[in-house]
Amino acid sequence: MRAAQAGMKPTLPKRFYKDAGVKERDGKFFLALDGRTAKTPSKQDLAVPSRGLAEALAEEWRGQGGEIDPSTMPVTRIVNSAIDGVAPRQAEVVDDLVRYAGSDLVYYRAAEPERLAHSQDAAWSPVLDWAKEVHGARFSLGEGVMHVTQPEESVAAIRRAIEQIESPFALAALHVMTTLSGSVLISLAHAAQQMDADAAWAAAHVDELYQESVWGEDYEAMERRRRREAEFKAAARVFRLATE
């Protein structure tokens, strides 16, 4: 199956440049390919607000071989999304993130087995405590998957926290982290440096890690999770570099 999947990979574009670098102009930092400013898919300049983020872009482009493989360029994909998709519609992205606050992963707990319940509590309660202490947001917990309606004032507090993120690059990165983890609260806690990327990713996958400890590891599931983890950590890097 893996051999068949490899044979189905799309044809990748050939590398058309020799070097990737950074140019600064008017307070912005541009990705330059052989000295020429690179463009996003919608033909806008590939420009970012910090040299560190621009260097991260250039690093990905330098690392390409004879072909350009977008799957190995998560920072570039997030930056393209920020410029082409998030910047023109930041309010819509905020609304989408706020929806996660109404049904966040960390609200729903298992009553048993005891080891899983303990693992969830150890990983998720510090996130809820942080949301309460820093943002004044108190959330209700439930068992199983039945929806629990959250206090409007708590959801509104999370909205205010998200709206404080003015950079479209940071907002795009937060959105990627949230969709990959299923938790805007874990993603916000990580963005606020309350937990590192490894701890945030592990917190978002308590249930999966427990199941693997009981039933053993599934190769394809692990590979998917590793790819998603790399995307999550790339988004965490973009958030940090965009807000330096």
Foldseek 3Di string as FASTA:
>chain_A
DVVVVVVPDDDFAFDDAQAWDWDDDPQKIFIAGNHHFDAAPVGHGLIARFRVLSVLQRVQSNPDDRGRDVLSRLSNVLSSCLVPPCVVPVVVLLVVLLVLVQPAPLQEAAPDDPVLRVLSCVLRVVLQVCLCVPQVAHFHHYYDRPGDGTDPVNSVSVSVVLVVPPRSSLSSLLSLLCVLLRGSSLSVCCLVVVDDLVSSLCSSCSPVVVVCVVPNDDVVVVVVSVSSSVSNVSSSVSNVRNVD
